[in-house]
Amino acid sequence: MDEAALYRIAAEGQRRYQRQGAVTGGEPPLPPRVSTWSARRAQLGGAGVNGVLVFGFATGAAGGAALGLLALAFVVLAGARDRGQALSRLRTMGLSRRQWRGLVLVELAPLVLVSVLTGALVGALLPVLLTPVLGLGAFTGGAPVAIRFEPGLVTAGLGLAVLALGFAVTVETLNNRRLRLGEVLRLGEES
């Protein structure tokens, strides 16, 4: 809705009502106020406990994502030595850097996808499981608590999976450059 148009209509209606003589008194009338549901909801959502809850959930989500990426980095680094030796052998057979990155993606994609899907499933089921336990109906004045699924979360989950895979390839690349694992066999070191 156009708030300016609503304000003009309310002000015109107030003036017309005053011209008819329905309002008497010495004080000038207060100007009309227009408040939309979304603006009022945003005002209530940012104040008091709601603001603290939003901050807590946002901080928890960011911390969980950071810890997940850290765990992924540890998994990548744990197998880096073996992958580096395999990379050296495959490079002697003509494997390019682009093909090697694709190989790392194929190796790490199941790990990342299972992690993201498990997190998404837990996140989707948690409100359903906790609503009866917490008694959220008491906070809605007895109205039934509606649990809905946000389609944007699917996009966010897929974005997180792509970010995690890119992060894993970056960690692997940086580790290979640091340890020069691509040159292990060329230096005569065999295992």
Protein backbone atom coordinates (compact mmCIF):
# COMPACT_ATOMS: atom_id res chain seq x y z
CA MET A 1 0.00 0.00 0.00
CA ASP A 2 1.04 3.56 -0.60
CA GLU A 3 1.32 5.14 2.85
CA ALA A 4 1.34 8.69 1.44
CA ALA A 5 -1.96 8.07 -0.37
CA LEU A 6 -3.49 6.60 2.78
CA TYR A 7 -2.33 9.64 4.76
CA ARG A 8 -3.89 12.03 2.21
CA ILE A 9 -7.20 10.15 2.30
CA ALA A 10 -7.25 10.12 6.11
CA ALA A 11 -6.40 13.84 6.31
CA GLU A 12 -9.12 14.71 3.78
CA GLY A 13 -11.66 12.61 5.67
CA GLN A 14 -10.71 14.32 8.94
CA ARG A 15 -11.09 17.80 7.38
CA ARG A 16 -14.47 16.87 5.87
CA TYR A 17 -15.63 15.52 9.23
CA GLN A 18 -14.56 18.77 10.95
CA ARG A 19 -16.30 20.96 8.32
CA GLN A 20 -19.57 19.17 9.02
CA GLY A 21 -19.31 20.38 12.59
CA ALA A 22 -19.19 16.95 14.15
CA VAL A 23 -16.05 17.81 16.11
CA THR A 24 -16.15 20.63 18.61
CA GLY A 25 -13.58 21.83 21.08
CA GLY A 26 -10.86 24.38 21.48
CA GLU A 27 -7.87 22.25 20.68
CA PRO A 28 -6.83 21.58 17.10
CA PRO A 29 -7.29 17.96 16.07
CA LEU A 30 -4.30 15.65 15.95
CA PRO A 31 -3.02 14.86 12.48
CA PRO A 32 -3.86 11.38 11.20
CA ARG A 33 -1.36 8.56 11.64
CA VAL A 34 -0.90 5.78 9.14
CA SER A 35 0.58 2.54 10.39
CA THR A 36 0.89 -0.56 8.24
CA TRP A 37 0.99 -4.06 9.59
CA SER A 38 4.50 -4.68 8.26
CA ALA A 39 5.85 -1.44 9.76
CA ARG A 40 4.28 -2.23 13.14
CA ARG A 41 5.59 -5.79 13.01
CA ALA A 42 9.09 -4.53 12.21
CA GLN A 43 8.85 -2.06 15.09
CA LEU A 44 7.83 -4.80 17.53
CA GLY A 45 10.33 -7.28 16.10
CA GLY A 46 13.29 -5.02 16.72
CA ALA A 47 12.38 -4.11 20.27
CA GLY A 48 12.75 -5.93 23.56
CA VAL A 49 13.12 -9.67 23.67
CA ASN A 50 12.46 -10.11 19.95
CA GLY A 51 15.57 -8.12 19.06
CA VAL A 52 17.65 -10.21 21.46
CA LEU A 53 16.22 -13.44 20.00
CA VAL A 54 16.89 -12.34 16.42
CA PHE A 55 20.45 -11.41 17.38
CA GLY A 56 20.91 -14.73 19.17
CA PHE A 57 19.61 -16.79 16.26
CA ALA A 58 21.66 -14.81 13.71
CA THR A 59 24.80 -15.16 15.83
CA GLY A 60 24.15 -18.89 16.29
CA ALA A 61 23.63 -19.41 12.56
CA ALA A 62 26.80 -17.49 11.69
CA GLY A 63 28.77 -19.36 14.36
CA GLY A 64 27.42 -22.71 13.18
CA ALA A 65 28.36 -21.91 9.58
CA ALA A 66 31.86 -20.83 10.64
CA LEU A 67 32.36 -23.98 12.72
CA GLY A 68 31.07 -26.11 9.85
CA LEU A 69 33.58 -24.54 7.47
CA LEU A 70 36.33 -25.05 10.05
CA ALA A 71 35.40 -28.74 10.37
CA LEU A 72 35.44 -29.04 6.59
CA ALA A 73 38.91 -27.48 6.51
CA PHE A 74 40.11 -30.06 9.06
CA VAL A 75 38.68 -32.89 6.96
CA VAL A 76 40.40 -31.54 3.86
CA LEU A 77 43.72 -31.10 5.66
CA ALA A 78 43.54 -34.56 7.25
CA GLY A 79 43.66 -36.25 3.85
CA ALA A 80 45.87 -33.70 2.13
CA ARG A 81 49.05 -35.78 2.18
CA ASP A 82 47.47 -38.78 0.47
CA ARG A 83 45.63 -36.59 -2.03
CA GLY A 84 48.89 -34.76 -2.77
CA GLN A 85 50.68 -37.99 -3.55
CA ALA A 86 47.82 -39.15 -5.74
CA LEU A 87 47.86 -35.74 -7.40
CA SER A 88 51.58 -36.09 -8.15
CA ARG A 89 51.01 -39.48 -9.76
CA LEU A 90 48.07 -38.22 -11.78
CA ARG A 91 49.99 -35.14 -12.91
CA THR A 92 52.71 -37.33 -14.32
CA MET A 93 49.96 -38.93 -16.39
CA GLY A 94 48.74 -35.55 -17.68
CA LEU A 95 46.11 -34.37 -15.17
CA SER A 96 45.57 -30.62 -15.42
CA ARG A 97 44.87 -28.27 -12.49
CA ARG A 98 41.29 -27.82 -13.63
CA GLN A 99 40.74 -31.58 -13.73
CA TRP A 100 42.33 -31.90 -10.29
CA ARG A 101 39.90 -29.30 -8.84
CA GLY A 102 37.04 -31.26 -10.35
CA LEU A 103 38.42 -34.40 -8.74
CA VAL A 104 38.54 -32.67 -5.34
CA LEU A 105 34.93 -31.51 -5.83
CA VAL A 106 33.81 -35.04 -6.64
CA GLU A 107 35.59 -36.35 -3.55
CA LEU A 108 34.21 -33.72 -1.15
CA ALA A 109 30.72 -33.17 -2.61
CA PRO A 110 29.09 -36.15 -0.80
CA LEU A 111 30.52 -35.02 2.54
CA VAL A 112 29.33 -31.44 2.08
CA LEU A 113 25.91 -32.37 0.71
CA VAL A 114 25.19 -34.84 3.52
CA SER A 115 26.23 -32.21 6.08
CA VAL A 116 24.08 -29.48 4.57
CA LEU A 117 21.07 -31.76 4.08
CA THR A 118 21.32 -33.06 7.65
CA GLY A 119 21.49 -29.52 8.99
CA ALA A 120 18.54 -28.45 6.85
CA LEU A 121 16.47 -31.44 7.97
CA VAL A 122 17.19 -30.75 11.64
CA GLY A 123 16.41 -27.07 11.12
CA ALA A 124 13.09 -27.89 9.44
CA LEU A 125 12.02 -30.45 12.05
CA LEU A 126 13.08 -28.49 15.14
CA PRO A 127 10.13 -26.05 15.15
CA VAL A 128 7.68 -28.92 14.62
CA LEU A 129 9.16 -30.86 17.53
CA LEU A 130 9.60 -27.91 19.90
CA THR A 131 6.25 -26.16 19.41
CA PRO A 132 4.23 -28.55 21.61
CA VAL A 133 7.03 -28.83 24.18
CA LEU A 134 7.44 -25.08 24.61
CA GLY A 135 3.72 -24.35 24.60
CA LEU A 136 3.97 -21.52 22.10
CA GLY A 137 0.18 -21.28 21.91
CA ALA A 138 0.27 -19.40 25.25
CA PHE A 139 2.10 -16.56 23.52
CA THR A 140 -0.44 -16.26 20.70
CA GLY A 141 -3.52 -15.84 22.86
CA GLY A 142 -4.71 -19.36 22.15
CA ALA A 143 -4.50 -19.03 18.37
CA PRO A 144 -2.90 -22.05 16.70
CA VAL A 145 0.79 -21.69 16.00
CA ALA A 146 1.37 -21.92 12.28
CA ILE A 147 4.67 -23.44 11.25
CA ARG A 148 5.60 -22.65 7.70
CA PHE A 149 8.48 -23.42 5.43
CA GLU A 150 10.35 -20.57 3.79
CA PRO A 151 11.37 -21.43 0.21
CA GLY A 152 14.30 -19.01 0.48
CA LEU A 153 15.93 -21.40 2.93
CA VAL A 154 16.40 -23.95 0.16
CA THR A 155 18.31 -21.36 -1.84
CA ALA A 156 20.34 -20.43 1.24
CA GLY A 157 21.17 -24.10 1.86
CA LEU A 158 22.31 -24.61 -1.71
CA GLY A 159 24.34 -21.41 -1.52
CA LEU A 160 25.97 -22.67 1.67
CA ALA A 161 26.83 -25.98 -0.02
CA VAL A 162 28.43 -24.19 -2.97
CA LEU A 163 30.33 -21.91 -0.58
CA ALA A 164 31.54 -24.92 1.40
CA LEU A 165 32.74 -26.73 -1.72
CA GLY A 166 34.55 -23.63 -2.93
CA PHE A 167 36.10 -23.23 0.50
CA ALA A 168 37.25 -26.87 0.50
CA VAL A 169 38.92 -26.51 -2.90
CA THR A 170 40.59 -23.27 -1.75
CA VAL A 171 41.92 -24.92 1.41
CA GLU A 172 43.24 -27.86 -0.62
CA THR A 173 44.88 -25.56 -3.17
CA LEU A 174 46.54 -23.41 -0.50
CA ASN A 175 47.77 -26.48 1.35
CA ASN A 176 49.23 -27.98 -1.84
CA ARG A 177 51.01 -24.73 -2.62
CA ARG A 178 52.38 -24.46 0.90
CA LEU A 179 53.63 -28.05 1.08
CA ARG A 180 54.41 -28.31 -2.65
CA LEU A 181 52.67 -31.67 -2.69
CA GLY A 182 52.32 -31.60 -6.45
CA GLU A 183 56.07 -32.03 -6.80
CA VAL A 184 56.54 -34.94 -4.37
CA LEU A 185 57.17 -37.63 -6.98
CA ARG A 186 59.24 -35.36 -9.16
CA LEU A 187 61.68 -34.91 -6.29
CA GLY A 188 62.16 -38.66 -6.05
CA GLU A 189 60.10 -39.13 -2.90
CA GLU A 190 57.97 -42.25 -3.23
CA SER A 191 55.72 -44.01 -0.80
